[in-house]
Amino acid sequence: LGKPIKGINIDLQHKDADIQKAELADLVDTEMAATSTAIEEAVLKMDEILSQARRDTSGVKLEVNQSIIGSCSDLMKAIHMLVTAATDLQKDIVESGRGAGSVKDFYAKNSCWTEGLISASKTVGWTATQMVESADKVVTDRGKYEELIVCSHEIAASTAQLVAASKVKADRSNKKLHTLQHASRHVNDMAAVVVTSTKAGQMQIEDKNPMDFSGISLIKLKTEEMESQVRVLELESKLSSERQRLGELRKKHYELSGVPLDQPVERNYDRFASVLPAAMPEPPFIPNILKKLIPCEKMQKIDWKLKK
């Protein structure tokens, strides 16, 4: 009785292995194709969003929308180029590395690499769709500009993950690897443009009214100053708590995605810092009530320095 049962178990294991081989090979092609399709649809959707913005908005708002959506569309096109380059490199790696074995055997033998490639491809497609949704919300005043900035960061991180997964088994002299690396740099550049255009648009749209100190007493001024300090401390406390929460979320994300905790994914956001020209600071505003409290000689010196 023991032999038949053992034989059945062995057969089942072989069948499971065969299924896994087929699944891995098919999944890579399916996910890479799905990612490419998602990016193409994202580009078309961006065009629709821009057309809608031209119908519904005008003036400064339209200029801002055109700048932001245009940069988002350019980013989607750059991602599409990167996914195409990654697909070409992946096929080249398989053909040069499988030897006499089949494509399915190669993917099964390198299952960890294959699963990493699939995961990275899925993430790129997902972040692209998130970018489209965020852009649509911003244009229709239902979202926040910060959402686009975060999406840009995540797109850069996810494409970096795809590049890393793609080039693990690539020969350094492979021309298709160089094409992929060039495409990756282009994605980073376009992501930085999205951040810059978003921040610039936010500055144009958000109306920051100057503070009105006319008729305010010294006591009232001091009271509001203390209240402002309290709000600053409250916001700093909330920011600290939110940073801690973000750290825990990332830690869990690394665990679920199989990234070693002692080797966290590099997330270099410095290159996305806005390159907007620094504006000349406005001279400090001195309310009339304070001018009365400053001796005339000192007030004249202050006015002279400000004019200078």
Protein backbone atom coordinates (compact mmCIF):
# COMPACT_ATOMS: atom_id res chain seq x y z
CA LEU A 1 0.00 0.00 0.00
CA GLY A 2 2.90 2.36 0.73
CA LYS A 3 4.36 2.31 -2.80
CA PRO A 4 1.27 3.51 -4.71
CA ILE A 5 0.75 6.36 -2.26
CA LYS A 6 4.38 7.37 -2.58
CA GLY A 7 4.13 7.18 -6.35
CA ILE A 8 1.03 9.37 -6.38
CA ASN A 9 2.76 11.97 -4.21
CA ILE A 10 5.74 12.06 -6.55
CA ASP A 11 3.50 12.45 -9.60
CA LEU A 12 1.60 15.26 -7.94
CA GLN A 13 4.82 17.03 -7.03
CA HIS A 14 6.05 16.79 -10.60
CA LYS A 15 2.74 18.11 -11.90
CA ASP A 16 2.84 21.01 -9.44
CA ALA A 17 6.39 21.81 -10.53
CA ASP A 18 5.34 21.72 -14.19
CA ILE A 19 2.42 24.01 -13.44
CA GLN A 20 4.71 26.38 -11.57
CA LYS A 21 7.13 26.48 -14.50
CA ALA A 22 4.33 27.29 -16.91
CA GLU A 23 2.84 29.86 -14.55
CA LEU A 24 6.12 31.71 -14.03
CA ALA A 25 6.90 31.84 -17.73
CA ASP A 26 3.40 32.97 -18.63
CA LEU A 27 3.17 35.41 -15.74
CA VAL A 28 6.29 37.31 -16.79
CA ASP A 29 4.98 37.86 -20.30
CA THR A 30 1.47 38.60 -19.03
CA GLU A 31 2.56 41.13 -16.40
CA MET A 32 5.04 42.92 -18.65
CA ALA A 33 2.39 43.18 -21.38
CA ALA A 34 -0.23 44.33 -18.86
CA THR A 35 2.14 46.99 -17.52
CA SER A 36 2.85 48.25 -21.03
CA THR A 37 -0.89 48.39 -21.77
CA ALA A 38 -1.58 50.22 -18.50
CA ILE A 39 1.02 52.87 -19.39
CA GLU A 40 -0.42 53.33 -22.89
CA GLU A 41 -3.89 53.78 -21.40
CA ALA A 42 -2.45 56.24 -18.88
CA VAL A 43 -1.03 58.39 -21.70
CA LEU A 44 -4.42 58.44 -23.45
CA LYS A 45 -6.18 59.25 -20.18
CA MET A 46 -3.82 62.18 -19.59
CA ASP A 47 -4.82 63.57 -22.99
CA GLU A 48 -8.49 63.26 -22.00
CA ILE A 49 -7.87 65.03 -18.69
CA LEU A 50 -6.07 67.86 -20.49
CA SER A 51 -8.90 68.23 -23.02
CA GLN A 52 -11.41 68.40 -20.18
CA ALA A 53 -9.30 71.00 -18.37
CA ARG A 54 -9.23 73.18 -21.50
CA ARG A 55 -13.02 73.07 -21.63
CA ASP A 56 -13.64 73.70 -17.94
CA THR A 57 -10.88 76.11 -16.89
CA SER A 58 -9.22 79.28 -18.12
CA GLY A 59 -6.59 81.83 -17.18
CA VAL A 60 -3.97 80.92 -14.58
CA LYS A 61 -5.78 77.72 -13.61
CA LEU A 62 -5.65 76.48 -17.21
CA GLU A 63 -1.96 77.36 -17.51
CA VAL A 64 -1.21 75.42 -14.34
CA ASN A 65 -3.28 72.42 -15.47
CA GLN A 66 -1.59 72.34 -18.87
CA SER A 67 1.85 72.45 -17.29
CA ILE A 68 1.12 69.71 -14.75
CA ILE A 69 -0.76 67.37 -17.10
CA GLY A 70 1.84 67.91 -19.82
CA SER A 71 4.65 66.89 -17.46
CA CYS A 72 2.64 63.89 -16.23
CA SER A 73 2.03 62.79 -19.81
CA ASP A 74 5.75 63.08 -20.60
CA LEU A 75 6.47 60.96 -17.52
CA MET A 76 4.04 58.26 -18.68
CA LYS A 77 5.75 58.17 -22.09
CA ALA A 78 9.15 57.87 -20.41
CA ILE A 79 7.86 54.96 -18.30
CA HIS A 80 6.54 53.25 -21.42
CA MET A 81 9.99 53.50 -23.00
CA LEU A 82 11.52 52.03 -19.84
CA VAL A 83 9.07 49.09 -19.73
CA THR A 84 9.79 48.37 -23.40
CA ALA A 85 13.53 48.44 -22.72
CA ALA A 86 13.09 46.16 -19.68
CA THR A 87 11.05 43.70 -21.75
CA ASP A 88 13.70 43.61 -24.49
CA LEU A 89 16.48 43.07 -21.95
CA GLN A 90 14.53 40.36 -20.13
CA LYS A 91 14.02 38.41 -23.37
CA ASP A 92 17.70 38.80 -24.21
CA ILE A 93 18.69 37.49 -20.77
CA VAL A 94 16.48 34.44 -21.18
CA GLU A 95 17.73 33.63 -24.67
CA SER A 96 21.40 33.94 -23.71
CA GLY A 97 21.04 32.17 -20.36
CA ARG A 98 18.75 29.23 -21.01
CA GLY A 99 21.26 27.29 -23.12
CA ALA A 100 19.70 24.05 -24.31
CA GLY A 101 16.85 24.35 -21.81
CA SER A 102 13.43 25.80 -22.48
CA VAL A 103 12.24 29.27 -21.55
CA LYS A 104 9.99 27.74 -18.89
CA ASP A 105 12.95 25.86 -17.40
CA PHE A 106 14.97 29.08 -17.20
CA TYR A 107 12.23 30.96 -15.36
CA ALA A 108 11.65 28.03 -13.00
CA LYS A 109 15.37 27.67 -12.29
CA ASN A 110 15.60 31.39 -11.54
CA SER A 111 12.27 31.65 -9.74
CA CYS A 112 13.38 34.32 -7.25
CA TRP A 113 14.58 36.59 -10.05
CA THR A 114 11.41 35.89 -12.02
CA GLU A 115 9.12 36.68 -9.10
CA GLY A 116 11.05 39.89 -8.44
CA LEU A 117 10.59 40.90 -12.07
CA ILE A 118 6.86 40.19 -11.90
CA SER A 119 6.47 42.12 -8.65
CA ALA A 120 8.40 45.11 -9.99
CA SER A 121 6.36 45.17 -13.19
CA LYS A 122 3.09 45.10 -11.25
CA THR A 123 4.24 47.97 -9.04
CA VAL A 124 5.17 50.14 -12.03
CA GLY A 125 1.75 49.61 -13.59
CA TRP A 126 -0.02 50.37 -10.33
CA THR A 127 1.90 53.59 -9.64
CA ALA A 128 1.16 54.78 -13.18
CA THR A 129 -2.59 54.37 -12.64
CA GLN A 130 -2.28 56.18 -9.31
CA MET A 131 -0.59 59.09 -11.08
CA VAL A 132 -3.50 59.35 -13.53
CA GLU A 133 -6.05 59.33 -10.71
CA SER A 134 -4.13 61.97 -8.75
CA ALA A 135 -3.76 64.21 -11.81
CA ASP A 136 -7.48 63.95 -12.53
CA LYS A 137 -8.32 64.89 -8.93
CA VAL A 138 -5.97 67.88 -8.92
CA VAL A 139 -7.36 69.25 -12.19
CA THR A 140 -10.95 68.90 -10.95
CA ASP A 141 -10.12 70.38 -7.52
CA ARG A 142 -10.83 67.09 -5.75
CA GLY A 143 -7.25 66.24 -4.85
CA LYS A 144 -4.07 67.65 -3.39
CA TYR A 145 -0.93 68.74 -5.19
CA GLU A 146 1.08 66.74 -2.68
CA GLU A 147 -0.50 63.54 -4.06
CA LEU A 148 1.17 64.14 -7.42
CA ILE A 149 4.51 64.74 -5.75
CA VAL A 150 4.24 61.50 -3.77
CA CYS A 151 3.21 59.62 -6.93
CA SER A 152 6.29 60.97 -8.71
CA HIS A 153 8.51 59.67 -5.91
CA GLU A 154 6.81 56.28 -5.96
CA ILE A 155 7.10 56.01 -9.74
CA ALA A 156 10.82 56.71 -9.54
CA ALA A 157 11.18 54.10 -6.79
CA SER A 158 9.13 51.45 -8.63
CA THR A 159 10.94 51.95 -11.93
CA ALA A 160 14.26 51.72 -10.06
CA GLN A 161 13.04 48.40 -8.65
CA LEU A 162 12.19 47.19 -12.16
CA VAL A 163 15.62 48.22 -13.46
CA ALA A 164 17.35 46.50 -10.54
CA ALA A 165 15.35 43.30 -11.11
CA SER A 166 16.01 43.40 -14.85
CA LYS A 167 19.75 43.92 -14.73
CA VAL A 168 20.57 41.31 -12.04
CA LYS A 169 21.33 38.67 -14.67
CA ALA A 170 22.35 41.00 -17.48
CA ASP A 171 25.87 41.27 -18.81
CA ARG A 172 27.31 44.70 -18.10
CA SER A 173 28.34 45.10 -21.73
CA ASN A 174 24.83 44.35 -22.98
CA LYS A 175 23.65 47.26 -25.14
CA LYS A 176 20.05 46.65 -24.09
CA LEU A 177 21.10 47.13 -20.47
CA HIS A 178 22.59 50.50 -21.38
CA THR A 179 19.33 51.38 -23.14
CA LEU A 180 17.40 50.45 -20.00
CA GLN A 181 19.68 52.52 -17.76
CA HIS A 182 19.30 55.52 -20.07
CA ALA A 183 15.52 55.08 -19.98
CA SER A 184 15.66 54.93 -16.18
CA ARG A 185 17.53 58.23 -15.98
CA HIS A 186 14.98 59.76 -18.34
CA VAL A 187 12.14 58.61 -16.05
CA ASN A 188 13.88 60.22 -13.07
CA ASP A 189 14.29 63.47 -14.99
CA MET A 190 10.63 63.51 -16.02
CA ALA A 191 9.53 62.70 -12.46
CA ALA A 192 11.55 65.70 -11.27
CA VAL A 193 9.79 67.87 -13.87
CA VAL A 194 6.40 66.74 -12.53
CA VAL A 195 7.45 67.73 -9.01
CA THR A 196 8.73 71.10 -10.20
CA SER A 197 5.65 71.93 -12.29
CA THR A 198 3.35 70.80 -9.48
CA LYS A 199 5.07 72.98 -6.88
CA ALA A 200 5.13 75.94 -9.26
CA GLY A 201 1.44 75.49 -10.03
CA GLN A 202 0.60 75.20 -6.37
CA MET A 203 2.36 78.50 -5.67
CA GLN A 204 0.39 80.19 -8.45
CA ILE A 205 -3.01 78.82 -7.45
CA GLU A 206 -2.89 79.02 -3.69
CA ASP A 207 -3.65 82.58 -2.68
CA LYS A 208 -1.52 83.62 0.26
CA ASN A 209 -2.95 86.86 1.58
CA PRO A 210 -0.51 89.09 3.50
CA MET A 211 -1.19 89.46 7.19
CA ASP A 212 -3.04 92.61 8.19
CA PHE A 213 -1.59 94.25 11.30
CA SER A 214 -3.52 97.50 11.03
CA GLY A 215 -5.13 98.52 14.30
CA ILE A 216 -3.68 95.59 16.25
CA SER A 217 -2.53 96.24 19.81
CA LEU A 218 0.76 95.05 21.21
CA ILE A 219 -1.01 92.70 23.63
CA LYS A 220 -3.15 91.24 20.84
CA LEU A 221 -0.06 90.80 18.69
CA LYS A 222 1.76 88.97 21.48
CA THR A 223 -1.27 86.76 22.12
CA GLU A 224 -1.48 85.71 18.48
CA GLU A 225 2.26 85.12 18.43
CA MET A 226 1.95 82.69 21.36
CA GLU A 227 -1.03 80.96 19.74
CA SER A 228 1.01 80.56 16.57
CA GLN A 229 3.85 78.99 18.56
CA VAL A 230 1.37 76.51 20.06
CA ARG A 231 0.11 75.55 16.58
CA VAL A 232 3.69 75.10 15.36
CA LEU A 233 4.44 72.74 18.25
CA GLU A 234 1.23 70.81 17.61
CA LEU A 235 2.03 70.43 13.92
CA GLU A 236 5.60 69.36 14.67
CA SER A 237 4.26 66.71 17.05
CA LYS A 238 1.81 65.46 14.41
CA LEU A 239 4.59 65.46 11.81
CA SER A 240 6.83 63.40 14.08
CA SER A 241 4.04 60.88 14.71
CA GLU A 242 3.24 60.64 11.00
CA ARG A 243 6.91 60.07 10.14
CA GLN A 244 7.00 57.24 12.66
CA ARG A 245 3.84 55.76 11.12
CA LEU A 246 5.37 56.06 7.64
CA GLY A 247 8.46 54.23 8.84
CA GLU A 248 6.36 51.35 10.19
CA LEU A 249 4.39 51.16 6.93
CA ARG A 250 7.59 51.01 4.87
CA LYS A 251 9.06 48.39 7.17
CA LYS A 252 5.99 46.20 6.68
CA HIS A 253 6.07 46.83 2.95
CA TYR A 254 9.69 45.66 2.79
CA GLU A 255 8.74 42.51 4.73
CA LEU A 256 5.84 41.66 2.41
CA SER A 257 7.86 42.37 -0.74
CA GLY A 258 10.81 40.29 0.45
CA VAL A 259 13.30 43.13 0.82
CA PRO A 260 15.84 42.43 3.62
CA LEU A 261 15.31 44.87 6.48
CA ASP A 262 19.06 45.37 6.88
CA GLN A 263 19.24 46.42 3.21
CA PRO A 264 16.32 48.81 2.68
CA VAL A 265 15.42 49.99 -0.78
CA GLU A 266 17.24 53.18 -1.64
CA ARG A 267 14.79 56.02 -2.02
CA ASN A 268 16.78 59.04 -3.11
CA TYR A 269 14.31 61.90 -3.11
CA ASP A 270 16.95 64.64 -3.10
CA ARG A 271 17.02 64.76 -6.89
CA PHE A 272 13.33 65.64 -6.86
CA ALA A 273 13.88 68.83 -4.88
CA SER A 274 12.33 71.73 -6.70
CA VAL A 275 14.70 73.66 -8.93
CA LEU A 276 12.52 76.74 -8.92
CA PRO A 277 14.50 79.99 -8.86
CA ALA A 278 14.77 81.39 -5.37
CA ALA A 279 12.53 84.40 -4.94
CA MET A 280 13.94 87.55 -3.37
CA PRO A 281 12.58 87.74 0.17
CA GLU A 282 10.18 90.52 0.97
CA PRO A 283 11.52 93.09 3.47
CA PRO A 284 10.14 92.52 6.96
CA PHE A 285 6.85 94.29 7.55
CA ILE A 286 6.86 96.52 10.63
CA PRO A 287 3.37 97.43 11.87
CA ASN A 288 2.64 101.03 12.79
CA ILE A 289 2.00 100.10 16.41
CA LEU A 290 5.58 98.81 16.72
CA LYS A 291 7.02 101.81 14.90
CA LYS A 292 5.61 104.00 17.65
CA LEU A 293 7.48 101.95 20.23
CA ILE A 294 10.83 102.30 18.44
CA PRO A 295 12.81 105.53 18.92
CA CYS A 296 12.79 107.77 15.83
CA GLU A 297 16.55 107.56 15.29
CA LYS A 298 16.50 103.74 15.27
CA MET A 299 13.41 103.71 13.04
CA GLN A 300 15.16 105.89 10.48
CA LYS A 301 18.13 103.51 10.45
CA ILE A 302 15.82 100.53 9.94
CA ASP A 303 13.97 102.23 7.07
CA TRP A 304 17.28 103.19 5.45
CA LYS A 305 18.59 99.61 5.67
CA LEU A 306 15.38 98.20 4.18
CA LYS A 307 15.47 100.63 1.28
CA LYS A 308 19.11 99.87 0.71
